[in-house]
Amino acid sequence: MSGGRATVVVIGAGQAGLSAGYHLKRRGFVSALAADGDGHAQDLVGGGGTGVVVGEPVGGAANGSAVSASVGGGDRVVVGGGRGAGTGEGGRGAGDGEGRRGAGVGAGEGGRGAGDGAGEGGRGDGGARTFVVLDGSAGAGGAWRERWESLRMATVNGIFDLPRFPKPVIDPAEASRTAVPRYFADFERVAGLPVRRPVTVVGVRKRGQEFVVETDSGDWVARAVINATGTWNNPVLPHYPGQDSFLGRQLHTRDFVTAEEFAGRRVAIVGGGISAVQLLEEISRVATTYWYTRREPVFRADGFEPEVAGRETIAKVIADVEAGRPTGSVVSYTGLAWTPYALAAKERGALERRPMFTGIEPFGVREADGTFTAVDVILWATGFKAALGHLDPLGLRNERGGIRMAGTQVADEPGLHLVGFGPSQSTVGANRAGRDAVNALVKYLDSTGAAIDNDEARARPGY
C-alpha cells in the first residue's frame, strides 16, 4: 500500500469516522483509492472490476446476481448483474464504459450518486472531490474490537444507529466486541466507503494550504482532514510512588479480558467512572476487591434521564472546548447513574469507596491513613484521553493544554475538524459531528475553490 492525494482524509473508522465518510459520499465525494486487491468496496475500479458494493452482501448472493438493499428513506439500489444503478434524490447510474462500473449512493436533499461523481460539492468524474478513510485496525469496528469479552450488548451505554442504517436485532447476551464490529463492517460494505487498513497515522503537518498525513505506508496530501481517532489508544496511566516496585500484576481497562482470571485474588480497582463501576461489579463476584477514587463518586439521584442529562452535558463540554479549556472525564460532567450493575455492586458491598492510596509497595498499597493493604492486582480503570498525538506537529494545544474549537472545527484551522472529540464523544454525538464537519468542509472548499484533484486542477493558480 502507498499514500496518495485526496481532497479530504478521514483518520479513524469508528462511529464518527464512518459517519463522516457516509456524509462525504452523500455530498458527492468519491473514492481516492484505485483498485487495490484488498477486497474493499471502491467507487472507481479499473480493469473491469465491479464498483461500490451497495447491496447487503451478508446473504451470500452468487457472483453476477443482483443484490438489492434499502439505503435510507426507502430508496433501493441494485448491485451486480450489470452496470451500477443510482439511488437517492437526483441520483444517477454510473456505468460509464469499459473497465469502470459504479453505483450511486445517497438519499434525500443534496444526495447524488457517487458513482457518477456528481452532487452538491462534487465536480464530476475525472475532477471530483475525493476522500479516503484511514484506519489503524485490522478490521471494522474501531475500539469495539478491543472491548473486554464479558462486556455484553445489554450492559453497554448504548450504540446509536449509523446514518440511515438501523442496527439489526442483536442478542443482548452477545459480546459487544463481536456484535458492534459486525454492524460496522456491514455499514462499510453497504455504504461502499473507501476504507484503507491497517494504516497507522504517525503525524499530520501543514505544507502551505495543504495537510500532509504521514503514515506507515506512505504520505497522503489533502486539502482537509477529519480526525476521528477517539480515545482508546490513549489510556490514562497515573503514576504513584513505588509503582515500579510492585510484584503483582498491573493492567489498564483496555487490557482487561475477563474477571475469571482474577478469581480468588485481591484486586485494587482504581477509578470513578462508568467502566470502573462495571468492572468492580464483575470482579467482585469472584475476587476480593478494594475500590479507590480520588474524589467521592457522585451517583445521580434524579433518575438520570438520558435526553435531559445529555443536553446538559453537551452544553458544558461545548463551553469548555470553545474556551480552549481541556475537557474532563465523562463522569465529571454527568455523574454516575444507578444502573443495574451499580446496584448489584452496592448490594454486594463492593461500592465501599476508599480514598486514593499514597504509595505502592511490592506486595500492596499504602493507604491514606498510613495502614497497609495487601493486593495481588492493581487495575487502573482510569479512563482515556483523546488520541491526538499525531496532530502534535500542528501545534494545536494552548498553554492550558486545551484545543479551542468552533463546532467540530479547530478554531484556527478551517480545514481541520475533530469529530468524536469533546461534545461529540457519545455515539449519537459522533454521528451528528460527522455530518456537521462535512457540511462545514464543503462550505470551506467552495469558498477557497479547492475542489479538483486532477493534474490540471493542481496546476491552476491558487490551488
Protein backbone atom coordinates (compact mmCIF):
# COMPACT_ATOMS: atom_id res chain seq x y z
CA MET A 1 0.00 0.00 0.00
CA SER A 2 1.06 3.59 -0.53
CA GLY A 3 -0.15 7.11 0.07
CA GLY A 4 -1.75 9.47 -2.39
CA ARG A 5 -3.80 12.62 -2.76
CA ALA A 6 -7.36 13.30 -1.65
CA THR A 7 -9.49 16.33 -1.06
CA VAL A 8 -10.35 15.03 2.42
CA VAL A 9 -8.60 12.42 4.54
CA VAL A 10 -10.64 10.91 7.38
CA ILE A 11 -8.49 9.43 10.13
CA GLY A 12 -10.28 6.67 12.04
CA ALA A 13 -13.17 4.34 11.20
CA GLY A 14 -15.15 4.25 14.42
CA GLN A 15 -18.66 5.67 14.63
CA ALA A 16 -17.53 9.25 14.00
CA GLY A 17 -15.25 8.37 11.09
CA LEU A 18 -17.87 6.20 9.39
CA SER A 19 -20.46 8.94 9.79
CA ALA A 20 -18.07 11.45 8.21
CA GLY A 21 -17.34 9.06 5.35
CA TYR A 22 -21.03 8.49 4.71
CA HIS A 23 -21.78 12.21 4.58
CA LEU A 24 -18.79 12.92 2.33
CA LYS A 25 -20.10 10.36 -0.11
CA ARG A 26 -23.60 11.76 0.16
CA ARG A 27 -22.23 15.18 -0.78
CA GLY A 28 -20.69 13.79 -3.95
CA PHE A 29 -17.13 12.98 -2.88
CA VAL A 30 -15.72 9.84 -4.48
CA SER A 31 -13.04 7.37 -3.50
CA ALA A 32 -9.41 8.42 -3.70
CA LEU A 33 -8.42 4.77 -3.91
CA ALA A 34 -7.73 2.71 -7.00
CA ALA A 35 -8.45 -1.00 -7.04
CA ASP A 36 -6.02 -2.48 -4.56
CA GLY A 37 -6.91 -6.14 -4.33
CA ASP A 38 -7.73 -5.81 -0.64
CA GLY A 39 -11.38 -6.57 -1.09
CA HIS A 40 -12.50 -3.06 -0.22
CA ALA A 41 -15.58 -1.63 -1.86
CA GLN A 42 -14.43 1.18 -4.14
CA ASP A 43 -16.11 4.00 -6.00
CA LEU A 44 -13.84 3.71 -9.03
CA VAL A 45 -12.36 0.41 -10.06
CA GLY A 46 -10.39 -0.24 -13.22
CA GLY A 47 -9.79 -3.36 -15.22
CA GLY A 48 -13.41 -4.42 -15.49
CA GLY A 49 -13.93 -4.63 -11.73
CA THR A 50 -17.23 -4.04 -10.02
CA GLY A 51 -17.80 -0.67 -8.36
CA VAL A 52 -19.18 0.16 -4.96
CA VAL A 53 -20.86 -2.70 -3.17
CA VAL A 54 -24.08 -1.07 -2.05
CA GLY A 55 -26.34 -4.07 -1.53
CA GLU A 56 -26.06 -6.02 1.69
CA PRO A 57 -23.72 -8.94 0.95
CA VAL A 58 -24.35 -10.95 4.09
CA GLY A 59 -26.88 -13.17 2.39
CA GLY A 60 -24.18 -14.51 0.11
CA ALA A 61 -25.53 -13.68 -3.34
CA ALA A 62 -23.88 -15.59 -6.14
CA ASN A 63 -21.49 -13.79 -8.47
CA GLY A 64 -23.31 -12.00 -11.24
CA SER A 65 -26.65 -11.95 -9.46
CA ALA A 66 -28.32 -8.74 -8.43
CA VAL A 67 -28.46 -7.80 -4.76
CA SER A 68 -30.80 -5.06 -3.60
CA ALA A 69 -30.81 -3.17 -0.34
CA SER A 70 -32.58 -0.25 1.19
CA VAL A 71 -30.24 2.65 1.87
CA GLY A 72 -32.29 5.11 3.86
CA GLY A 73 -35.54 6.80 3.02
CA GLY A 74 -36.87 3.74 1.24
CA ASP A 75 -34.54 4.16 -1.73
CA ARG A 76 -33.15 0.99 -3.19
CA VAL A 77 -30.00 0.18 -5.08
CA VAL A 78 -29.10 -2.83 -7.16
CA VAL A 79 -25.58 -4.11 -7.43
CA GLY A 80 -24.24 -6.91 -9.57
CA GLY A 81 -25.59 -8.46 -12.74
CA GLY A 82 -24.64 -5.49 -14.90
CA ARG A 83 -23.89 -1.82 -14.61
CA GLY A 84 -24.41 0.21 -11.47
CA ALA A 85 -27.72 1.72 -10.51
CA GLY A 86 -28.35 5.10 -8.94
CA THR A 87 -30.14 5.83 -5.72
CA GLY A 88 -31.03 8.92 -3.80
CA GLU A 89 -32.93 12.01 -4.77
CA GLY A 90 -31.42 13.05 -8.06
CA GLY A 91 -29.07 10.06 -8.11
CA ARG A 92 -27.99 8.55 -11.43
CA GLY A 93 -26.44 5.32 -12.57
CA ALA A 94 -22.72 5.50 -13.05
CA GLY A 95 -21.86 2.82 -15.55
CA ASP A 96 -19.56 4.77 -17.80
CA GLY A 97 -17.98 2.40 -20.22
CA GLU A 98 -15.24 -0.16 -20.28
CA GLY A 99 -13.40 -1.10 -17.15
CA ARG A 100 -15.43 1.10 -14.79
CA ARG A 101 -18.70 0.45 -13.07
CA GLY A 102 -20.21 2.21 -10.13
CA ALA A 103 -23.32 2.60 -8.06
CA GLY A 104 -24.82 5.87 -6.93
CA VAL A 105 -25.32 6.16 -3.19
CA GLY A 106 -27.04 8.79 -1.07
CA ALA A 107 -30.65 9.72 -0.48
CA GLY A 108 -32.53 12.86 0.31
CA GLU A 109 -31.82 16.54 -0.15
CA GLY A 110 -28.48 17.17 -1.80
CA GLY A 111 -27.79 13.47 -2.31
CA ARG A 112 -26.14 12.37 -5.56
CA GLY A 113 -24.83 9.09 -6.85
CA ALA A 114 -21.16 8.93 -6.01
CA GLY A 115 -20.51 6.62 -8.92
CA ASP A 116 -21.04 9.47 -11.38
CA GLY A 117 -19.05 11.88 -9.26
CA ALA A 118 -21.79 14.49 -9.29
CA GLY A 119 -23.66 16.15 -6.49
CA GLU A 120 -23.62 19.16 -4.28
CA GLY A 121 -19.96 19.90 -3.70
CA GLY A 122 -18.77 17.38 -6.33
CA ARG A 123 -17.12 18.18 -9.64
CA GLY A 124 -17.84 15.24 -11.91
CA ASP A 125 -15.90 12.14 -12.90
CA GLY A 126 -12.24 12.87 -13.55
CA GLY A 127 -12.44 16.02 -11.45
CA ALA A 128 -14.47 15.07 -8.39
CA ARG A 129 -13.62 15.85 -4.84
CA THR A 130 -12.21 12.71 -3.32
CA PHE A 131 -11.80 11.16 0.11
CA VAL A 132 -10.27 8.22 1.87
CA VAL A 133 -10.75 6.76 5.35
CA LEU A 134 -7.54 5.57 7.04
CA ASP A 135 -7.99 3.10 9.88
CA GLY A 136 -5.37 1.61 12.16
CA SER A 137 -7.32 -1.55 12.98
CA ALA A 138 -7.08 -4.83 11.11
CA GLY A 139 -10.84 -4.87 10.55
CA ALA A 140 -14.03 -2.90 11.03
CA GLY A 141 -15.29 -1.95 14.47
CA GLY A 142 -12.93 0.68 15.81
CA ALA A 143 -12.21 0.37 19.52
CA TRP A 144 -15.14 -2.00 19.94
CA ARG A 145 -12.89 -4.75 18.62
CA GLU A 146 -10.80 -4.39 21.77
CA ARG A 147 -13.54 -4.33 24.43
CA TRP A 148 -13.38 -6.97 27.12
CA GLU A 149 -15.03 -10.29 26.42
CA SER A 150 -17.65 -10.00 29.17
CA LEU A 151 -18.98 -6.61 28.03
CA ARG A 152 -22.33 -7.62 26.61
CA MET A 153 -24.71 -5.60 24.50
CA ALA A 154 -27.09 -5.49 27.45
CA THR A 155 -24.59 -3.51 29.52
CA VAL A 156 -23.06 -1.08 27.04
CA ASN A 157 -24.13 2.56 27.32
CA GLY A 158 -25.96 2.31 24.03
CA ILE A 159 -24.95 2.35 20.37
CA PHE A 160 -26.69 4.93 18.23
CA ASP A 161 -27.57 3.84 14.70
CA LEU A 162 -25.12 4.69 11.94
CA PRO A 163 -26.57 7.10 9.34
CA ARG A 164 -29.68 5.63 7.70
CA PHE A 165 -28.60 2.14 8.70
CA PRO A 166 -30.62 0.83 11.66
CA LYS A 167 -29.00 -1.78 13.83
CA PRO A 168 -30.36 -5.27 13.33
CA VAL A 169 -31.85 -7.12 16.25
CA ILE A 170 -28.89 -8.09 18.43
CA ASP A 171 -28.92 -10.66 21.22
CA PRO A 172 -28.41 -8.70 24.48
CA ALA A 173 -26.14 -11.52 25.67
CA GLU A 174 -23.77 -11.19 22.71
CA ALA A 175 -20.33 -9.73 23.36
CA SER A 176 -20.08 -6.13 22.15
CA ARG A 177 -16.65 -6.89 20.71
CA THR A 178 -18.30 -9.12 18.08
CA ALA A 179 -21.72 -7.52 17.61
CA VAL A 180 -20.62 -3.92 17.04
CA PRO A 181 -17.74 -4.69 14.63
CA ARG A 182 -20.10 -6.85 12.59
CA TYR A 183 -22.59 -3.97 12.39
CA PHE A 184 -19.83 -1.52 11.42
CA ALA A 185 -18.48 -3.91 8.77
CA ASP A 186 -21.94 -4.28 7.24
CA PHE A 187 -22.27 -0.49 7.11
CA GLU A 188 -18.90 -0.10 5.39
CA ARG A 189 -19.96 -2.60 2.73
CA VAL A 190 -23.43 -1.17 2.23
CA ALA A 191 -22.20 2.43 2.04
CA GLY A 192 -19.21 1.46 -0.10
CA LEU A 193 -16.78 3.52 1.94
CA PRO A 194 -13.15 3.67 0.75
CA VAL A 195 -11.52 2.43 3.95
CA ARG A 196 -7.83 1.54 3.86
CA ARG A 197 -6.49 -0.57 6.71
CA PRO A 198 -4.42 -1.27 8.62
CA VAL A 199 -2.77 2.15 8.32
CA THR A 200 -1.10 3.90 11.24
CA VAL A 201 -1.05 7.69 11.04
CA VAL A 202 2.17 8.87 12.66
CA GLY A 203 1.88 12.61 12.07
CA VAL A 204 -0.03 15.41 10.39
CA ARG A 205 1.63 18.64 9.31
CA LYS A 206 0.87 21.64 7.14
CA ARG A 207 2.52 22.33 3.79
CA GLY A 208 1.21 25.63 2.56
CA GLN A 209 -2.57 25.32 2.43
CA GLU A 210 -2.44 21.53 2.37
CA PHE A 211 -2.14 18.87 5.04
CA VAL A 212 0.40 16.07 4.79
CA VAL A 213 -0.86 12.97 6.59
CA GLU A 214 2.17 10.81 7.32
CA THR A 215 1.51 7.09 7.69
CA ASP A 216 3.44 3.87 7.98
CA SER A 217 2.54 3.12 4.36
CA GLY A 218 3.13 6.44 2.63
CA ASP A 219 2.00 10.05 2.87
CA TRP A 220 -1.41 11.41 1.91
CA VAL A 221 -1.76 15.03 0.80
CA ALA A 222 -5.15 16.63 1.44
CA ARG A 223 -6.90 19.97 1.49
CA ALA A 224 -8.78 18.98 4.65
CA VAL A 225 -8.62 16.42 7.44
CA ILE A 226 -11.39 14.98 9.58
CA ASN A 227 -9.84 13.39 12.65
CA ALA A 228 -11.91 10.64 14.28
CA THR A 229 -9.37 8.72 16.33
CA GLY A 230 -11.35 8.52 19.56
CA THR A 231 -9.66 7.78 22.87
CA TRP A 232 -8.91 4.04 23.10
CA ASN A 233 -5.27 4.36 22.09
CA ASN A 234 -4.52 6.97 24.74
CA PRO A 235 -5.21 5.40 28.15
CA VAL A 236 -4.67 7.48 31.27
CA LEU A 237 -1.98 5.78 33.37
CA PRO A 238 -1.35 7.55 36.70
CA HIS A 239 1.98 7.19 38.47
CA TYR A 240 2.33 6.70 42.21
CA PRO A 241 5.45 6.42 44.37
CA GLY A 242 6.81 2.88 44.38
CA GLN A 243 4.69 1.78 41.45
CA ASP A 244 7.59 0.12 39.67
CA SER A 245 8.37 -1.98 42.74
CA PHE A 246 5.01 -3.78 42.74
CA LEU A 247 5.47 -7.53 42.27
CA GLY A 248 1.87 -8.27 41.38
CA ARG A 249 0.06 -7.54 38.14
CA GLN A 250 -0.89 -4.08 36.90
CA LEU A 251 -3.24 -3.54 33.97
CA HIS A 252 -5.48 -0.89 32.45
CA THR A 253 -9.12 -1.21 31.43
CA ARG A 254 -8.04 -1.71 27.82
CA ASP A 255 -6.07 -4.83 28.88
CA PHE A 256 -8.97 -6.45 30.76
CA VAL A 257 -10.46 -9.60 29.23
CA THR A 258 -12.49 -11.48 31.82
CA ALA A 259 -12.99 -11.49 35.59
CA GLU A 260 -12.24 -15.20 35.85
CA GLU A 261 -8.52 -14.54 35.58
CA PHE A 262 -8.70 -12.78 38.98
CA ALA A 263 -10.68 -15.46 40.81
CA GLY A 264 -9.63 -15.76 44.46
CA ARG A 265 -7.26 -12.80 44.27
CA ARG A 266 -7.12 -9.41 45.98
CA VAL A 267 -7.75 -6.70 43.40
CA ALA A 268 -7.39 -2.94 43.81
CA ILE A 269 -9.61 -1.16 41.28
CA VAL A 270 -8.72 2.48 40.71
CA GLY A 271 -11.15 4.89 39.05
CA GLY A 272 -14.52 6.54 39.50
CA GLY A 273 -16.04 6.23 36.04
CA ILE A 274 -18.59 4.00 34.37
CA SER A 275 -16.08 1.32 33.36
CA ALA A 276 -14.62 1.23 36.87
CA VAL A 277 -18.04 0.51 38.36
CA GLN A 278 -18.79 -2.12 35.71
CA LEU A 279 -15.51 -3.92 36.33
CA LEU A 280 -15.83 -3.59 40.08
CA GLU A 281 -19.22 -5.28 39.99
CA GLU A 282 -17.96 -8.07 37.77
CA ILE A 283 -14.67 -8.78 39.52
CA SER A 284 -16.21 -8.59 43.00
CA ARG A 285 -18.20 -11.71 42.19
CA VAL A 286 -15.04 -13.83 42.08
CA ALA A 287 -12.40 -11.85 43.98
CA THR A 288 -11.82 -9.59 46.98
CA THR A 289 -11.95 -6.03 45.69
CA TYR A 290 -10.89 -2.64 47.01
CA TRP A 291 -12.22 0.45 45.25
CA TYR A 292 -10.07 3.60 45.15
CA THR A 293 -11.04 7.02 43.77
CA ARG A 294 -9.53 10.48 44.08
CA ARG A 295 -12.90 12.05 44.84
CA GLU A 296 -16.12 10.79 46.35
CA PRO A 297 -18.15 9.33 43.47
CA VAL A 298 -21.36 11.19 42.70
CA PHE A 299 -24.35 9.00 41.89
CA ARG A 300 -27.25 10.92 40.43
CA ALA A 301 -30.42 10.67 42.46
CA ASP A 302 -32.67 12.24 39.80
CA GLY A 303 -33.20 9.12 37.72
CA PHE A 304 -30.67 10.17 35.07
CA GLU A 305 -32.92 10.83 32.08
CA PRO A 306 -30.51 10.45 29.14
CA GLU A 307 -32.09 13.15 26.99
CA VAL A 308 -32.01 15.80 29.72
CA ALA A 309 -28.60 14.77 31.05
CA GLY A 310 -27.23 14.60 27.51
CA ARG A 311 -28.25 18.16 26.71
CA GLU A 312 -26.77 19.41 29.97
CA THR A 313 -23.51 17.56 29.38
CA ILE A 314 -23.11 18.73 25.79
CA ALA A 315 -23.67 22.34 26.82
CA LYS A 316 -20.96 22.09 29.48
CA VAL A 317 -18.44 20.43 27.17
CA ILE A 318 -19.12 22.90 24.35
CA ALA A 319 -18.44 25.76 26.75
CA ASP A 320 -15.11 24.18 27.66
CA VAL A 321 -13.87 23.47 24.13
CA GLU A 322 -14.97 26.84 22.76
CA ALA A 323 -12.97 28.48 25.54
CA GLY A 324 -9.98 26.25 24.81
CA ARG A 325 -10.15 24.52 28.18
CA PRO A 326 -9.12 20.85 28.47
CA THR A 327 -12.17 18.64 28.79
CA GLY A 328 -12.74 16.48 31.84
CA SER A 329 -13.81 12.87 32.10
CA VAL A 330 -17.33 11.87 31.11
CA VAL A 331 -18.46 11.37 34.71
CA SER A 332 -17.08 14.75 35.73
CA TYR A 333 -19.90 16.17 33.61
CA THR A 334 -22.61 13.55 34.06
CA GLY A 335 -22.12 11.87 37.40
CA LEU A 336 -22.82 8.17 37.77
CA ALA A 337 -26.20 6.53 37.21
CA TRP A 338 -27.69 3.83 39.40
CA THR A 339 -27.52 1.21 36.68
CA PRO A 340 -28.34 -2.45 37.37
CA TYR A 341 -24.64 -3.29 37.69
CA ALA A 342 -24.05 -0.37 40.08
CA LEU A 343 -26.96 -1.51 42.24
CA ALA A 344 -25.66 -5.09 42.16
CA ALA A 345 -22.23 -3.93 43.31
CA LYS A 346 -23.81 -1.91 46.09
CA GLU A 347 -25.86 -4.86 47.30
CA ARG A 348 -22.71 -6.97 47.35
CA GLY A 349 -20.89 -4.34 49.42
CA ALA A 350 -18.38 -3.67 46.65
CA LEU A 351 -19.15 0.06 46.36
CA GLU A 352 -17.28 0.87 49.55
CA ARG A 353 -15.01 3.57 48.24
CA ARG A 354 -11.58 4.24 49.72
CA PRO A 355 -9.56 7.44 49.27
CA MET A 356 -6.56 7.03 46.99
CA PHE A 357 -3.58 5.22 48.41
CA THR A 358 -0.43 7.29 48.81
CA GLY A 359 2.08 4.77 47.56
CA ILE A 360 2.62 1.32 46.11
CA GLU A 361 4.86 -1.31 47.65
CA PRO A 362 5.99 -4.72 46.39
CA PHE A 363 3.02 -6.58 47.90
CA GLY A 364 0.31 -3.96 48.16
CA VAL A 365 -0.60 -0.32 48.71
CA ARG A 366 -0.10 2.21 51.49
CA GLU A 367 -3.48 3.64 52.47
CA ALA A 368 -4.21 7.32 53.04
CA ASP A 369 -4.36 6.68 56.80
CA GLY A 370 -0.92 5.03 56.76
CA THR A 371 -2.07 1.43 57.04
CA PHE A 372 -1.05 -1.25 54.54
CA THR A 373 -3.35 -3.34 52.34
CA ALA A 374 -2.01 -6.40 50.55
CA VAL A 375 -3.16 -6.77 46.95
CA ASP A 376 -2.26 -9.09 44.10
CA VAL A 377 -3.55 -6.95 41.23
CA ILE A 378 -3.96 -3.24 40.53
CA LEU A 379 -6.50 -2.49 37.81
CA TRP A 380 -6.24 1.07 36.55
CA ALA A 381 -9.79 1.87 35.39
CA THR A 382 -8.67 5.46 34.99
CA GLY A 383 -10.12 6.24 31.61
CA PHE A 384 -8.78 7.66 28.40
CA LYS A 385 -7.96 10.96 26.76
CA ALA A 386 -8.38 11.97 23.14
CA ALA A 387 -5.78 10.21 20.98
CA LEU A 388 -4.41 13.26 19.19
CA GLY A 389 -0.65 12.77 19.45
CA HIS A 390 -0.32 12.52 15.66
CA LEU A 391 -1.63 16.10 15.44
CA ASP A 392 1.13 17.49 17.66
CA PRO A 393 3.16 18.85 14.69
CA LEU A 394 0.27 21.28 14.07
CA GLY A 395 0.73 22.92 17.49
CA LEU A 396 -2.99 22.95 18.29
CA ARG A 397 -2.82 22.97 22.09
CA ASN A 398 -2.74 26.19 24.07
CA GLU A 399 -0.85 26.87 27.29
CA ARG A 400 -3.61 25.13 29.29
CA GLY A 401 -3.37 22.00 27.19
CA GLY A 402 -6.73 22.56 25.52
CA ILE A 403 -7.70 22.95 21.87
CA ARG A 404 -10.05 25.83 21.08
CA MET A 405 -12.90 24.64 18.89
CA ALA A 406 -15.66 26.24 16.84
CA GLY A 407 -18.16 23.42 16.48
CA THR A 408 -16.21 20.48 15.09
CA GLN A 409 -13.61 22.76 13.52
CA VAL A 410 -10.32 23.62 15.20
CA ALA A 411 -10.80 27.36 15.67
CA ASP A 412 -7.73 28.50 13.76
CA GLU A 413 -7.67 25.67 11.18
CA PRO A 414 -10.74 25.75 8.90
CA GLY A 415 -9.56 22.63 7.09
CA LEU A 416 -9.24 20.53 10.25
CA HIS A 417 -12.18 19.01 12.11
CA LEU A 418 -12.16 16.83 15.22
CA VAL A 419 -15.14 14.50 15.46
CA GLY A 420 -15.73 12.16 18.37
CA PHE A 421 -13.92 14.81 20.43
CA GLY A 422 -15.31 16.92 23.25
CA PRO A 423 -19.10 17.16 22.96
CA SER A 424 -19.25 14.54 20.20
CA GLN A 425 -17.71 11.65 22.16
CA SER A 426 -21.02 9.81 22.50
CA THR A 427 -22.23 7.67 19.61
CA VAL A 428 -25.14 10.00 18.84
CA GLY A 429 -22.81 12.98 19.10
CA ALA A 430 -20.31 11.30 16.79
CA ASN A 431 -22.97 10.82 14.11
CA ARG A 432 -24.02 14.46 14.24
CA ALA A 433 -20.43 15.64 14.33
CA GLY A 434 -19.59 13.68 11.18
CA ARG A 435 -22.44 15.35 9.33
CA ASP A 436 -21.64 18.82 10.69
CA ALA A 437 -17.95 18.50 9.84
CA VAL A 438 -18.69 17.53 6.25
CA ASN A 439 -21.19 20.36 5.78
CA ALA A 440 -18.67 22.86 7.12
CA LEU A 441 -15.88 21.47 4.95
CA VAL A 442 -17.97 21.68 1.79
CA LYS A 443 -18.58 25.37 2.50
CA TYR A 444 -14.87 25.87 3.18
CA LEU A 445 -13.81 24.09 0.00
CA ASP A 446 -16.38 26.01 -2.03
CA SER A 447 -15.12 29.30 -0.64
CA THR A 448 -11.49 28.52 -1.42
CA GLY A 449 -12.10 26.92 -4.80
CA ALA A 450 -10.28 23.81 -3.57
CA ALA A 451 -12.15 21.07 -5.26
CA ILE A 452 -10.50 19.13 -8.00
CA ASP A 453 -7.79 16.55 -7.58
CA ASN A 454 -6.57 16.03 -11.12
CA ASP A 455 -3.30 17.35 -12.51
CA GLU A 456 -4.97 20.11 -14.48
CA ALA A 457 -6.61 21.50 -11.37
CA ARG A 458 -3.43 21.35 -9.33
CA ALA A 459 -1.71 23.45 -11.96
CA ARG A 460 -4.24 26.24 -11.58
CA PRO A 461 -3.17 29.37 -9.67
CA GLY A 462 -4.25 29.34 -6.06
CA TYR A 463 -4.67 25.59 -5.77
